[in-house]
C-alpha atoms as a PDB file:
ATOM      1  CA  MET A   1       4.380-344.746-101.256  1.00  0.00           C
ATOM      2  CA  LEU A   2       6.675-347.744-101.455  1.00  0.00           C
ATOM      3  CA  LEU A   3       5.360-351.310-101.302  1.00  0.00           C
ATOM      4  CA  ASP A   4       7.699-353.928 -99.876  1.00  0.00           C
ATOM      5  CA  LEU A   5       8.222-356.761-102.374  1.00  0.00           C
ATOM      6  CA  SER A   6      10.566-358.875-100.258  1.00  0.00           C
ATOM      7  CA  ASN A   7       7.852-361.513 -99.564  1.00  0.00           C
ATOM      8  CA  VAL A   8       7.038-361.781-103.270  1.00  0.00           C
ATOM      9  CA  LEU A   9      10.685-362.137-104.273  1.00  0.00           C
ATOM     10  CA  SER A  10      11.584-364.566-101.460  1.00  0.00           C
ATOM     11  CA  GLU A  11      11.447-368.358-101.789  1.00  0.00           C
ATOM     12  CA  GLN A  12       7.803-368.509-100.628  1.00  0.00           C
ATOM     13  CA  HIS A  13       6.641-366.059-103.347  1.00  0.00           C
ATOM     14  CA  LYS A  14       3.737-364.724-101.300  1.00  0.00           C
ATOM     15  CA  SER A  15       1.600-362.295-103.265  1.00  0.00           C
ATOM     16  CA  VAL A  16       0.884-358.741-102.153  1.00  0.00           C
ATOM     17  CA  ASP A  17      -2.684-357.421-102.159  1.00  0.00           C
ATOM     18  CA  GLU A  18      -2.960-353.966-100.623  1.00  0.00           C
ATOM     19  CA  ILE A  19      -5.064-350.833-100.671  1.00  0.00           C
ATOM     20  CA  VAL A  20      -2.703-347.862-100.952  1.00  0.00           C
ATOM     21  CA  SER A  21      -3.692-344.242-100.449  1.00  0.00           C
ATOM     22  CA  VAL A  22      -2.781-341.895-103.286  1.00  0.00           C
ATOM     23  CA  SER A  23      -0.778-339.107-101.692  1.00  0.00           C
ATOM     24  CA  PHE A  24       0.030-336.708-104.524  1.00  0.00           C
ATOM     25  CA  ASP A  25      -2.248-333.665-104.902  1.00  0.00           C
ATOM     26  CA  GLU A  26      -1.061-332.454-108.287  1.00  0.00           C
ATOM     27  CA  PHE A  27       0.118-334.015-111.516  1.00  0.00           C
ATOM     28  CA  ARG A  28       3.238-332.519-113.110  1.00  0.00           C
ATOM     29  CA  LEU A  29       3.708-332.758-116.849  1.00  0.00           C
ATOM     30  CA  ARG A  30       6.034-330.738-119.088  1.00  0.00           C
ATOM     31  CA  GLY A  31       6.664-328.110-116.438  1.00  0.00           C
ATOM     32  CA  LYS A  32       2.968-327.568-115.647  1.00  0.00           C
ATOM     33  CA  CYS A  33       1.015-328.570-112.567  1.00  0.00           C
ATOM     34  CA  TYR A  34      -2.515-329.945-112.869  1.00  0.00           C
ATOM     35  CA  PRO A  35      -4.581-330.219-109.659  1.00  0.00           C
ATOM     36  CA  ILE A  36      -6.035-333.564-108.671  1.00  0.00           C
ATOM     37  CA  LEU A  37      -9.667-332.765-107.889  1.00  0.00           C
ATOM     38  CA  SER A  38     -10.629-336.174-106.491  1.00  0.00           C
ATOM     39  CA  LYS A  39      -8.878-339.463-105.924  1.00  0.00           C
ATOM     40  CA  GLU A  40      -9.621-342.944-104.696  1.00  0.00           C
ATOM     41  CA  ASP A  41      -7.248-345.344-102.998  1.00  0.00           C
ATOM     42  CA  ALA A  42      -5.347-347.646-105.314  1.00  0.00           C
ATOM     43  CA  HIS A  43      -5.815-351.407-105.081  1.00  0.00           C
ATOM     44  CA  ILE A  44      -2.449-352.970-105.981  1.00  0.00           C
ATOM     45  CA  GLN A  45      -1.752-356.680-106.435  1.00  0.00           C
ATOM     46  CA  VAL A  46       1.704-358.119-107.047  1.00  0.00           C
ATOM     47  CA  GLU A  47       2.404-361.792-107.622  1.00  0.00           C
ATOM     48  CA  TYR A  48       5.331-363.872-108.795  1.00  0.00           C
ATOM     49  CA  VAL A  49       4.675-365.535-112.168  1.00  0.00           C
ATOM     50  CA  GLY A  50       7.975-367.382-112.542  1.00  0.00           C
ATOM     51  CA  ASN A  51      11.253-366.879-114.370  1.00  0.00           C
ATOM     52  CA  GLN A  52      12.041-363.772-112.283  1.00  0.00           C
ATOM     53  CA  LYS A  53       8.909-361.955-113.459  1.00  0.00           C
ATOM     54  CA  LEU A  54       6.223-360.176-111.475  1.00  0.00           C
ATOM     55  CA  LYS A  55       2.643-359.480-112.445  1.00  0.00           C
ATOM     56  CA  VAL A  56       1.615-356.049-111.163  1.00  0.00           C
ATOM     57  CA  SER A  57      -2.058-355.161-111.419  1.00  0.00           C
ATOM     58  CA  GLY A  58      -4.115-352.394-109.940  1.00  0.00           C
ATOM     59  CA  THR A  59      -7.146-350.149-110.060  1.00  0.00           C
ATOM     60  CA  SER A  60      -7.781-346.580-109.022  1.00  0.00           C
ATOM     61  CA  LYS A  61      -9.805-343.559-110.071  1.00  0.00           C
ATOM     62  CA  LEU A  62      -8.615-339.950-110.265  1.00  0.00           C
ATOM     63  CA  THR A  63     -10.081-336.700-111.540  1.00  0.00           C
ATOM     64  CA  ILE A  64      -7.575-334.116-112.771  1.00  0.00           C
ATOM     65  CA  GLY A  65      -8.338-330.505-113.667  1.00  0.00           C
ATOM     66  CA  ILE A  66      -6.960-329.832-117.155  1.00  0.00           C
ATOM     67  CA  PRO A  67      -7.398-326.489-118.964  1.00  0.00           C
ATOM     68  CA  CYS A  68      -9.610-326.427-122.060  1.00  0.00           C
ATOM     69  CA  ASP A  69      -7.464-326.154-125.188  1.00  0.00           C
ATOM     70  CA  ARG A  70      -9.601-323.313-126.547  1.00  0.00           C
ATOM     71  CA  CYS A  71     -10.778-321.146-123.619  1.00  0.00           C
ATOM     72  CA  LEU A  72      -8.389-322.261-120.830  1.00  0.00           C
ATOM     73  CA  GLU A  73     -11.205-322.976-118.342  1.00  0.00           C
ATOM     74  CA  GLU A  74     -10.470-325.911-116.034  1.00  0.00           C
ATOM     75  CA  VAL A  75     -12.158-329.142-117.145  1.00  0.00           C
ATOM     76  CA  PRO A  76     -12.424-332.146-114.797  1.00  0.00           C
ATOM     77  CA  VAL A  77     -11.085-335.221-116.626  1.00  0.00           C
ATOM     78  CA  ASP A  78     -11.652-338.683-115.145  1.00  0.00           C
ATOM     79  CA  PHE A  79      -8.912-341.304-115.239  1.00  0.00           C
ATOM     80  CA  ASN A  80     -10.169-344.830-114.522  1.00  0.00           C
ATOM     81  CA  LEU A  81      -6.952-346.721-114.031  1.00  0.00           C
ATOM     82  CA  ASP A  82      -7.154-350.475-114.506  1.00  0.00           C
ATOM     83  CA  PHE A  83      -3.852-352.058-115.491  1.00  0.00           C
ATOM     84  CA  VAL A  84      -1.894-355.300-115.581  1.00  0.00           C
ATOM     85  CA  ARG A  85       1.875-355.230-116.163  1.00  0.00           C
ATOM     86  CA  GLU A  86       4.411-358.022-116.303  1.00  0.00           C
ATOM     87  CA  VAL A  87       7.796-356.848-115.099  1.00  0.00           C
ATOM     88  CA  GLU A  88      11.178-358.552-115.030  1.00  0.00           C
ATOM     89  CA  THR A  89      13.002-358.255-111.722  1.00  0.00           C
ATOM     90  CA  LYS A  90      16.461-359.229-112.920  1.00  0.00           C
ATOM     91  CA  GLU A  91      18.752-356.503-114.178  1.00  0.00           C
ATOM     92  CA  ALA A  92      18.423-356.543-117.940  1.00  0.00           C
ATOM     93  CA  GLU A  93      21.362-355.653-120.109  1.00  0.00           C
ATOM     94  CA  VAL A  94      20.988-352.195-121.545  1.00  0.00           C
ATOM     95  CA  VAL A  95      20.340-352.579-125.256  1.00  0.00           C
ATOM     96  CA  SER A  96      19.923-349.451-127.342  1.00  0.00           C
ATOM     97  CA  ASP A  97      17.097-350.965-129.432  1.00  0.00           C
ATOM     98  CA  GLU A  98      14.989-351.817-126.398  1.00  0.00           C
ATOM     99  CA  ALA A  99      14.365-348.405-124.847  1.00  0.00           C
ATOM    100  CA  ASP A 100      11.012-349.483-123.467  1.00  0.00           C
ATOM    101  CA  GLN A 101      12.708-351.824-120.968  1.00  0.00           C
ATOM    102  CA  LEU A 102      14.287-348.832-119.269  1.00  0.00           C
ATOM    103  CA  ASP A 103      10.877-347.221-118.815  1.00  0.00           C
ATOM    104  CA  GLU A 104       9.245-350.455-117.732  1.00  0.00           C
ATOM    105  CA  ASN A 105      11.195-350.835-114.513  1.00  0.00           C
ATOM    106  CA  ASN A 106      11.314-347.243-113.332  1.00  0.00           C
ATOM    107  CA  TYR A 107       8.752-347.957-110.592  1.00  0.00           C
ATOM    108  CA  ILE A 108      10.566-351.016-109.168  1.00  0.00           C
ATOM    109  CA  ASP A 109      13.747-350.355-107.245  1.00  0.00           C
ATOM    110  CA  GLY A 110      15.260-353.406-105.624  1.00  0.00           C
ATOM    111  CA  TYR A 111      12.653-354.861-103.270  1.00  0.00           C
ATOM    112  CA  HIS A 112      10.277-351.882-103.441  1.00  0.00           C
ATOM    113  CA  LEU A 113       7.467-350.869-105.770  1.00  0.00           C
ATOM    114  CA  ASP A 114       6.909-347.115-106.020  1.00  0.00           C
ATOM    115  CA  VAL A 115       3.125-346.788-106.334  1.00  0.00           C
ATOM    116  CA  GLU A 116       3.342-343.058-107.152  1.00  0.00           C
ATOM    117  CA  LYS A 117       5.570-343.683-110.200  1.00  0.00           C
ATOM    118  CA  LEU A 118       3.374-346.576-111.310  1.00  0.00           C
ATOM    119  CA  LEU A 119       0.226-344.423-111.174  1.00  0.00           C
ATOM    120  CA  TYR A 120       2.068-341.534-112.849  1.00  0.00           C
ATOM    121  CA  ASN A 121       2.974-343.809-115.782  1.00  0.00           C
ATOM    122  CA  GLU A 122      -0.619-345.027-116.087  1.00  0.00           C
ATOM    123  CA  ILE A 123      -2.011-341.468-116.057  1.00  0.00           C
ATOM    124  CA  LEU A 124       0.560-340.475-118.661  1.00  0.00           C
ATOM    125  CA  VAL A 125      -0.536-343.309-120.949  1.00  0.00           C
ATOM    126  CA  GLY A 126      -4.177-342.206-120.676  1.00  0.00           C
ATOM    127  CA  TRP A 127      -3.506-338.446-121.001  1.00  0.00           C
ATOM    128  CA  PRO A 128      -5.909-336.953-123.567  1.00  0.00           C
ATOM    129  CA  MET A 129      -4.570-335.353-126.748  1.00  0.00           C
ATOM    130  CA  LYS A 130      -7.129-332.550-126.646  1.00  0.00           C
ATOM    131  CA  VAL A 131      -9.384-331.340-123.831  1.00  0.00           C
ATOM    132  CA  LEU A 132     -12.467-329.245-124.558  1.00  0.00           C
ATOM    133  CA  CYS A 133     -14.996-327.876-122.078  1.00  0.00           C
ATOM    134  CA  SER A 134     -17.699-328.412-124.741  1.00  0.00           C
ATOM    135  CA  GLU A 135     -17.777-329.349-128.414  1.00  0.00           C
ATOM    136  CA  ASP A 136     -18.924-325.849-129.372  1.00  0.00           C
ATOM    137  CA  CYS A 137     -16.354-323.954-127.265  1.00  0.00           C
ATOM    138  CA  LYS A 138     -15.652-320.588-128.904  1.00  0.00           C
ATOM    139  CA  GLY A 139     -12.238-320.097-127.315  1.00  0.00           C
ATOM    140  CA  ILE A 140     -10.705-316.737-126.440  1.00  0.00           C
ATOM    141  CA  CYS A 141     -10.285-313.520-128.427  1.00  0.00           C
ATOM    142  CA  SER A 142      -6.832-313.405-129.990  1.00  0.00           C
ATOM    143  CA  VAL A 143      -6.644-309.626-129.381  1.00  0.00           C
ATOM    144  CA  CYS A 144      -7.950-308.991-125.849  1.00  0.00           C
ATOM    145  CA  GLY A 145      -8.171-312.498-124.335  1.00  0.00           C
ATOM    146  CA  GLN A 146     -11.917-312.356-123.570  1.00  0.00           C
ATOM    147  CA  ASN A 147     -13.509-315.773-123.099  1.00  0.00           C
ATOM    148  CA  LEU A 148     -15.954-315.822-126.018  1.00  0.00           C
ATOM    149  CA  ASN A 149     -18.159-318.402-124.267  1.00  0.00           C
ATOM    150  CA  GLU A 150     -19.022-315.780-121.631  1.00  0.00           C
ATOM    151  CA  GLY A 151     -19.738-312.991-124.109  1.00  0.00           C
ATOM    152  CA  THR A 152     -18.426-311.070-127.077  1.00  0.00           C
ATOM    153  CA  CYS A 153     -15.711-308.462-126.976  1.00  0.00           C
ATOM    154  CA  SER A 154     -15.455-305.049-128.637  1.00  0.00           C
ATOM    155  CA  CYS A 155     -12.389-305.904-130.724  1.00  0.00           C
ATOM    156  CA  GLU A 156     -12.488-305.496-134.488  1.00  0.00           C
ATOM    157  CA  ASP A 157     -12.822-308.646-136.533  1.00  0.00           C
ATOM    158  CA  THR A 158      -9.467-308.770-138.245  1.00  0.00           C
ATOM    159  CA  GLY A 159     -10.743-311.326-140.758  1.00  0.00           C
ATOM    160  CA  LEU A 160      -8.385-313.334-142.869  1.00  0.00           C
ATOM    161  CA  ASP A 161      -4.812-312.457-143.607  1.00  0.00           C
ATOM    162  CA  PRO A 162      -4.731-310.340-146.814  1.00  0.00           C
ATOM    163  CA  ARG A 163      -1.863-312.468-148.123  1.00  0.00           C
ATOM    164  CA  MET A 164      -4.302-315.379-148.311  1.00  0.00           C
ATOM    165  CA  SER A 165      -6.719-313.527-150.646  1.00  0.00           C
ATOM    166  CA  VAL A 166      -5.228-315.158-153.746  1.00  0.00           C
ATOM    167  CA  ILE A 167      -5.919-318.626-152.396  1.00  0.00           C
ATOM    168  CA  ARG A 168      -9.429-317.567-151.320  1.00  0.00           C
ATOM    169  CA  ASP A 169     -10.093-316.371-154.897  1.00  0.00           C
ATOM    170  CA  VAL A 170      -8.894-319.702-156.325  1.00  0.00           C
ATOM    171  CA  PHE A 171     -11.386-321.568-154.126  1.00  0.00           C
ATOM    172  CA  LYS A 172     -14.205-319.181-155.112  1.00  0.00           C
ATOM    173  CA  ASN A 173     -13.523-319.632-158.841  1.00  0.00           C
ATOM    174  CA  PHE A 174     -13.411-323.416-158.707  1.00  0.00           C
ATOM    175  CA  LYS A 175     -16.282-323.886-156.287  1.00  0.00           C
ATOM    176  CA  GLU A 176     -18.706-326.621-157.330  1.00  0.00           C
ATOM    177  CA  VAL A 177     -22.335-325.604-157.700  1.00  0.00           C
END
């Protein structure tokens, strides 16, 4: 959804305070789609702070289904978005050392604020490095793909790689008592 910023950028500099419905149903990242399980409307505030700068703040809450990194079961992950950004509205000169300025303004285009891109950026910043369904998740069998949390499989335990036996022996010989 696009928010009209013409009143904020005009001579009166009226602020915008709106509740915007979140319309996307999935989150796309690195070629994968993650379903949005629940979402709340976003409360967006935009005000002029002077010197051709806007203060964009907002809150929202989303729950995204992300697969567990060990067993691939879907895990609901909550994203409590609460952000404040200061954005320049004038066209900045493209400087190779300041790559973050290019990313900063990708949700403002002329007199419009793209709420979807803004929320996407905020979710991306809060994306977890590792998602686990539980701390003691056993993962999946590397041979047959059985979820080991649901039960064991009949595959042979391949053990350690025989090429690593020399290193294993070194650790056994120098083990502290």
